[in-house]
N, C-alpha and C. Protein backbone atom coordinates (compact mmCIF):
# COMPACT_ATOMS: atom_id res chain seq x y z
N UNK A 1 84.80 162.86 130.31
CA UNK A 1 83.78 162.54 131.30
C UNK A 1 84.14 161.21 131.96
N UNK A 2 84.14 161.17 133.28
CA UNK A 2 84.50 159.94 133.98
C UNK A 2 83.55 158.79 133.66
N UNK A 3 84.10 157.58 133.70
CA UNK A 3 83.32 156.36 133.47
C UNK A 3 83.23 155.63 134.80
N UNK A 4 82.02 155.34 135.25
CA UNK A 4 81.83 154.59 136.50
C UNK A 4 82.41 153.20 136.37
N UNK A 5 83.01 152.72 137.44
CA UNK A 5 83.51 151.35 137.49
C UNK A 5 82.35 150.45 137.89
N UNK A 6 81.76 149.82 136.91
CA UNK A 6 80.62 148.92 137.15
C UNK A 6 81.00 147.46 136.91
N UNK A 7 82.29 147.18 136.83
CA UNK A 7 82.74 145.81 136.58
C UNK A 7 82.41 144.90 137.75
N UNK A 8 82.13 143.64 137.46
CA UNK A 8 81.90 142.67 138.52
C UNK A 8 83.25 142.21 139.10
N UNK A 9 83.41 142.37 140.38
CA UNK A 9 84.62 141.94 141.08
C UNK A 9 84.41 140.51 141.57
N UNK A 10 84.39 139.59 140.62
CA UNK A 10 84.06 138.19 140.94
C UNK A 10 85.17 137.22 140.57
N UNK A 11 86.30 137.72 140.15
CA UNK A 11 87.41 136.83 139.80
C UNK A 11 88.20 136.48 141.06
N UNK A 12 89.28 135.83 140.88
CA UNK A 12 90.13 135.38 141.98
C UNK A 12 90.51 136.55 142.89
N UNK A 13 90.44 136.35 144.18
CA UNK A 13 90.77 137.35 145.20
C UNK A 13 89.96 138.63 145.04
N UNK A 14 88.70 138.52 144.67
CA UNK A 14 87.78 139.66 144.50
C UNK A 14 88.30 140.68 143.49
N UNK A 15 88.99 140.18 142.48
CA UNK A 15 89.46 141.07 141.42
C UNK A 15 88.47 141.03 140.26
N UNK A 16 88.73 141.83 139.24
CA UNK A 16 87.91 141.84 138.04
C UNK A 16 88.35 140.75 137.08
N UNK A 17 89.66 140.53 137.00
CA UNK A 17 90.19 139.51 136.10
C UNK A 17 90.42 140.04 134.69
N UNK A 18 90.70 141.34 134.58
CA UNK A 18 90.93 141.98 133.30
C UNK A 18 92.21 142.81 133.42
N UNK A 19 93.15 142.56 132.55
CA UNK A 19 94.43 143.25 132.64
C UNK A 19 95.09 143.28 131.28
N UNK A 20 95.85 144.33 131.03
CA UNK A 20 96.63 144.38 129.78
C UNK A 20 97.48 143.12 129.62
N UNK A 21 97.94 142.56 130.71
CA UNK A 21 98.76 141.35 130.64
C UNK A 21 97.98 140.16 130.07
N UNK A 22 96.66 140.25 130.03
CA UNK A 22 95.81 139.20 129.45
C UNK A 22 95.46 139.47 127.99
N UNK A 23 95.88 140.62 127.47
CA UNK A 23 95.52 141.04 126.12
C UNK A 23 96.51 140.47 125.10
N UNK A 24 96.01 140.16 123.92
CA UNK A 24 96.87 139.61 122.86
C UNK A 24 97.91 140.62 122.39
N UNK A 25 97.71 141.90 122.66
CA UNK A 25 98.64 142.93 122.22
C UNK A 25 99.74 143.23 123.24
N UNK A 26 99.67 142.60 124.40
CA UNK A 26 100.63 142.85 125.47
C UNK A 26 101.97 142.19 125.16
N UNK A 27 103.03 142.95 125.34
CA UNK A 27 104.38 142.41 125.25
C UNK A 27 105.04 142.69 126.59
N UNK A 28 105.39 141.62 127.28
CA UNK A 28 105.97 141.79 128.60
C UNK A 28 107.25 141.01 128.76
N UNK A 29 107.74 140.98 129.98
CA UNK A 29 108.99 140.27 130.24
C UNK A 29 108.80 138.76 130.11
N UNK A 30 109.89 138.06 129.94
CA UNK A 30 109.80 136.60 129.88
C UNK A 30 109.39 136.03 131.22
N UNK A 31 109.77 136.70 132.28
CA UNK A 31 109.32 136.30 133.62
C UNK A 31 109.21 137.54 134.50
N UNK A 32 108.34 137.42 135.49
CA UNK A 32 108.09 138.54 136.40
C UNK A 32 109.00 138.43 137.59
N UNK A 33 109.36 139.54 138.20
CA UNK A 33 108.89 140.90 137.98
C UNK A 33 109.55 141.54 136.76
N UNK A 34 108.92 142.57 136.26
CA UNK A 34 109.43 143.30 135.11
C UNK A 34 110.35 144.42 135.61
N UNK A 35 111.51 144.03 136.09
CA UNK A 35 112.45 145.01 136.65
C UNK A 35 113.05 145.92 135.57
N UNK A 36 113.06 145.46 134.32
CA UNK A 36 113.55 146.29 133.22
C UNK A 36 112.47 147.25 132.73
N UNK A 37 111.25 147.08 133.24
CA UNK A 37 110.11 147.93 132.87
C UNK A 37 109.89 147.93 131.36
N UNK A 38 109.89 146.72 130.80
CA UNK A 38 109.76 146.53 129.35
C UNK A 38 108.33 146.30 128.88
N UNK A 39 107.38 146.19 129.79
CA UNK A 39 105.99 145.94 129.41
C UNK A 39 105.48 147.03 128.47
N UNK A 40 104.78 146.59 127.41
CA UNK A 40 104.26 147.55 126.44
C UNK A 40 103.08 146.98 125.69
N UNK A 41 102.32 147.88 125.08
CA UNK A 41 101.21 147.50 124.21
C UNK A 41 101.71 147.59 122.77
N UNK A 42 101.72 146.48 122.07
CA UNK A 42 102.18 146.46 120.68
C UNK A 42 101.18 147.14 119.75
N UNK A 43 99.90 147.08 120.06
CA UNK A 43 98.89 147.70 119.21
C UNK A 43 99.04 149.22 119.18
N UNK A 44 99.23 149.80 120.35
CA UNK A 44 99.30 151.26 120.47
C UNK A 44 100.73 151.79 120.59
N UNK A 45 101.70 150.89 120.53
CA UNK A 45 103.11 151.27 120.68
C UNK A 45 103.28 152.15 121.92
N UNK A 46 102.84 151.61 123.05
CA UNK A 46 102.77 152.36 124.29
C UNK A 46 103.49 151.62 125.41
N UNK A 47 104.44 152.28 126.05
CA UNK A 47 105.08 151.70 127.23
C UNK A 47 104.05 151.62 128.35
N UNK A 48 104.09 150.54 129.11
CA UNK A 48 103.10 150.33 130.18
C UNK A 48 103.74 150.37 131.56
N UNK A 49 104.84 151.09 131.70
CA UNK A 49 105.51 151.19 133.00
C UNK A 49 104.60 151.78 134.07
N UNK A 50 103.62 152.60 133.70
CA UNK A 50 102.69 153.19 134.65
C UNK A 50 101.93 152.11 135.43
N UNK A 51 101.84 150.93 134.88
CA UNK A 51 101.11 149.83 135.51
C UNK A 51 101.94 149.07 136.54
N UNK A 52 103.22 149.39 136.62
CA UNK A 52 104.13 148.62 137.45
C UNK A 52 104.46 149.31 138.77
N UNK A 53 104.52 148.50 139.83
CA UNK A 53 105.02 148.98 141.11
C UNK A 53 106.53 149.13 140.99
N UNK A 54 107.16 149.80 141.92
CA UNK A 54 108.63 149.89 141.89
C UNK A 54 109.31 148.51 141.88
N UNK A 55 108.62 147.50 142.43
CA UNK A 55 109.16 146.14 142.47
C UNK A 55 109.13 145.45 141.11
N UNK A 56 108.39 146.03 140.14
CA UNK A 56 108.27 145.42 138.81
C UNK A 56 107.04 144.54 138.64
N UNK A 57 106.24 144.38 139.68
CA UNK A 57 104.99 143.63 139.58
C UNK A 57 103.86 144.59 139.24
N UNK A 58 102.79 144.06 138.64
CA UNK A 58 101.64 144.88 138.26
C UNK A 58 100.99 145.51 139.48
N UNK A 59 100.54 146.73 139.32
CA UNK A 59 99.84 147.47 140.36
C UNK A 59 98.39 147.65 139.91
N UNK A 60 97.55 146.72 140.24
CA UNK A 60 96.14 146.78 139.86
C UNK A 60 95.86 146.15 138.51
N UNK A 61 94.68 146.46 138.00
CA UNK A 61 94.24 145.92 136.71
C UNK A 61 93.98 147.09 135.75
N UNK A 62 94.45 146.93 134.51
CA UNK A 62 94.42 147.99 133.52
C UNK A 62 93.92 147.43 132.20
N UNK A 63 93.33 148.31 131.37
CA UNK A 63 92.86 147.88 130.05
C UNK A 63 92.55 149.12 129.22
N UNK A 64 92.37 148.93 127.93
CA UNK A 64 91.88 150.01 127.07
C UNK A 64 90.68 149.46 126.29
N UNK A 65 90.03 150.31 125.54
CA UNK A 65 88.82 149.88 124.81
C UNK A 65 89.15 148.87 123.72
N UNK A 66 90.43 148.75 123.33
CA UNK A 66 90.84 147.81 122.29
C UNK A 66 91.31 146.47 122.85
N UNK A 67 91.07 146.25 124.15
CA UNK A 67 91.47 144.99 124.78
C UNK A 67 90.91 143.81 123.99
N UNK A 68 91.77 142.85 123.75
CA UNK A 68 91.34 141.62 123.08
C UNK A 68 91.89 140.45 123.90
N UNK A 69 90.98 139.67 124.45
CA UNK A 69 91.35 138.58 125.36
C UNK A 69 92.25 137.56 124.69
N UNK A 70 93.34 137.28 125.35
CA UNK A 70 94.26 136.24 124.90
C UNK A 70 93.96 134.89 125.53
N UNK A 71 92.80 134.78 126.19
CA UNK A 71 92.38 133.51 126.78
C UNK A 71 92.58 133.42 128.28
N UNK A 72 93.07 134.48 128.91
CA UNK A 72 93.32 134.41 130.35
C UNK A 72 92.43 135.34 131.18
N UNK A 73 91.71 136.22 130.53
CA UNK A 73 90.85 137.15 131.27
C UNK A 73 89.61 136.43 131.80
N UNK A 74 89.03 136.98 132.85
CA UNK A 74 87.84 136.43 133.48
C UNK A 74 86.63 136.71 132.57
N UNK A 75 85.92 135.68 132.18
CA UNK A 75 84.83 135.80 131.20
C UNK A 75 83.80 136.88 131.55
N UNK A 76 83.32 136.98 132.81
CA UNK A 76 82.34 138.05 133.10
C UNK A 76 82.92 139.45 132.88
N UNK A 77 84.21 139.64 133.11
CA UNK A 77 84.83 140.94 132.87
C UNK A 77 84.89 141.26 131.39
N UNK A 78 85.23 140.27 130.58
CA UNK A 78 85.28 140.47 129.13
C UNK A 78 83.89 140.81 128.61
N UNK A 79 82.88 140.09 129.09
CA UNK A 79 81.50 140.37 128.68
C UNK A 79 81.09 141.79 129.06
N UNK A 80 81.44 142.19 130.28
CA UNK A 80 81.09 143.54 130.73
C UNK A 80 81.82 144.60 129.90
N UNK A 81 83.06 144.34 129.55
CA UNK A 81 83.80 145.27 128.71
C UNK A 81 83.10 145.46 127.36
N UNK A 82 82.60 144.38 126.79
CA UNK A 82 81.85 144.49 125.53
C UNK A 82 80.58 145.33 125.72
N UNK A 83 79.94 145.18 126.86
CA UNK A 83 78.70 145.92 127.13
C UNK A 83 78.93 147.42 127.28
N UNK A 84 80.07 147.83 127.84
CA UNK A 84 80.32 149.25 128.07
C UNK A 84 81.27 149.85 127.03
N UNK A 85 81.64 149.08 126.04
CA UNK A 85 82.62 149.52 125.05
C UNK A 85 82.31 150.91 124.49
N UNK A 86 81.07 151.21 124.21
CA UNK A 86 80.67 152.50 123.64
C UNK A 86 80.90 153.69 124.56
N UNK A 87 81.05 153.46 125.85
CA UNK A 87 81.29 154.56 126.78
C UNK A 87 82.78 154.83 126.98
N UNK A 88 83.63 153.96 126.46
CA UNK A 88 85.08 154.11 126.64
C UNK A 88 85.67 154.92 125.49
N UNK A 89 86.66 155.73 125.82
CA UNK A 89 87.31 156.58 124.83
C UNK A 89 88.51 155.88 124.21
N UNK A 90 88.77 156.16 122.95
CA UNK A 90 89.99 155.70 122.31
C UNK A 90 91.15 156.52 122.88
N UNK A 91 92.33 155.92 122.93
CA UNK A 91 93.50 156.65 123.38
C UNK A 91 93.57 156.85 124.88
N UNK A 92 92.84 156.02 125.63
CA UNK A 92 92.83 156.12 127.09
C UNK A 92 93.11 154.74 127.69
N UNK A 93 94.02 154.71 128.65
CA UNK A 93 94.29 153.52 129.43
C UNK A 93 93.48 153.64 130.71
N UNK A 94 92.67 152.63 131.00
CA UNK A 94 91.79 152.66 132.17
C UNK A 94 92.37 151.80 133.29
N UNK A 95 92.15 152.25 134.52
CA UNK A 95 92.59 151.51 135.69
C UNK A 95 91.40 151.23 136.59
N UNK A 96 91.35 150.02 137.09
CA UNK A 96 90.33 149.63 138.05
C UNK A 96 90.81 149.94 139.47
N UNK A 97 89.91 149.84 140.44
CA UNK A 97 90.21 150.01 141.87
C UNK A 97 90.41 151.46 142.30
N UNK A 98 89.82 152.40 141.65
CA UNK A 98 89.96 153.80 142.08
C UNK A 98 88.96 154.08 143.20
N UNK A 99 89.37 154.87 144.16
CA UNK A 99 88.56 155.10 145.36
C UNK A 99 87.31 155.93 145.11
N UNK A 100 87.25 156.66 144.00
CA UNK A 100 86.08 157.51 143.75
C UNK A 100 84.95 156.79 143.03
N UNK A 101 85.13 155.49 142.73
CA UNK A 101 84.08 154.72 142.06
C UNK A 101 84.10 154.81 140.55
N UNK A 102 85.02 155.59 140.01
CA UNK A 102 85.18 155.70 138.56
C UNK A 102 86.42 154.92 138.13
N UNK A 103 86.51 154.67 136.83
CA UNK A 103 87.72 154.10 136.28
C UNK A 103 88.77 155.20 136.20
N UNK A 104 90.01 154.87 136.56
CA UNK A 104 91.10 155.82 136.38
C UNK A 104 91.36 155.99 134.89
N UNK A 105 91.69 157.18 134.47
CA UNK A 105 91.91 157.45 133.05
C UNK A 105 93.30 158.05 132.84
N UNK A 106 94.07 157.41 131.97
CA UNK A 106 95.42 157.85 131.65
C UNK A 106 95.51 157.97 130.14
N UNK A 107 95.66 159.17 129.64
CA UNK A 107 95.70 159.41 128.20
C UNK A 107 97.02 158.95 127.61
N UNK A 108 96.92 158.23 126.48
CA UNK A 108 98.12 157.71 125.82
C UNK A 108 99.12 158.82 125.55
N UNK A 109 98.65 159.98 125.07
CA UNK A 109 99.55 161.09 124.75
C UNK A 109 100.36 161.52 125.97
N UNK A 110 99.70 161.59 127.13
CA UNK A 110 100.38 161.99 128.35
C UNK A 110 101.38 160.92 128.78
N UNK A 111 101.02 159.65 128.65
CA UNK A 111 101.93 158.57 129.01
C UNK A 111 103.16 158.58 128.11
N UNK A 112 102.97 158.88 126.84
CA UNK A 112 104.10 158.96 125.91
C UNK A 112 105.02 160.12 126.29
N UNK A 113 104.44 161.24 126.71
CA UNK A 113 105.25 162.39 127.14
C UNK A 113 106.08 162.05 128.37
N UNK A 114 105.47 161.34 129.31
CA UNK A 114 106.17 160.97 130.55
C UNK A 114 107.30 159.99 130.28
N UNK A 115 107.14 159.15 129.25
CA UNK A 115 108.14 158.13 128.94
C UNK A 115 109.39 158.73 128.31
N UNK A 116 109.32 159.97 127.86
CA UNK A 116 110.49 160.60 127.19
C UNK A 116 111.52 161.05 128.17
């Protein structure tokens, strides 16, 4: 079932300020862009290339229900994530900025299949 995107877009440049790159479980390149496409989630052992533009820079903001702030996420976004945590599914990577008003949903299993 789709989850409505109700996050406050109040961070820098009208963004949410929530991204896997802000999570303590994120493992990324030493410097951007990530041209080697090495970004991954250490908690879920999941490649995060789906989040990258062809240039190697992040394409939007992404998170999962297990997001844990490493100190760089926008506080209102983290608070909102805690408030909606019960509506989020395990094993799903969510994307903000979808045109239909819902969060984009990418299942870990499908992402793992694509990475092979």
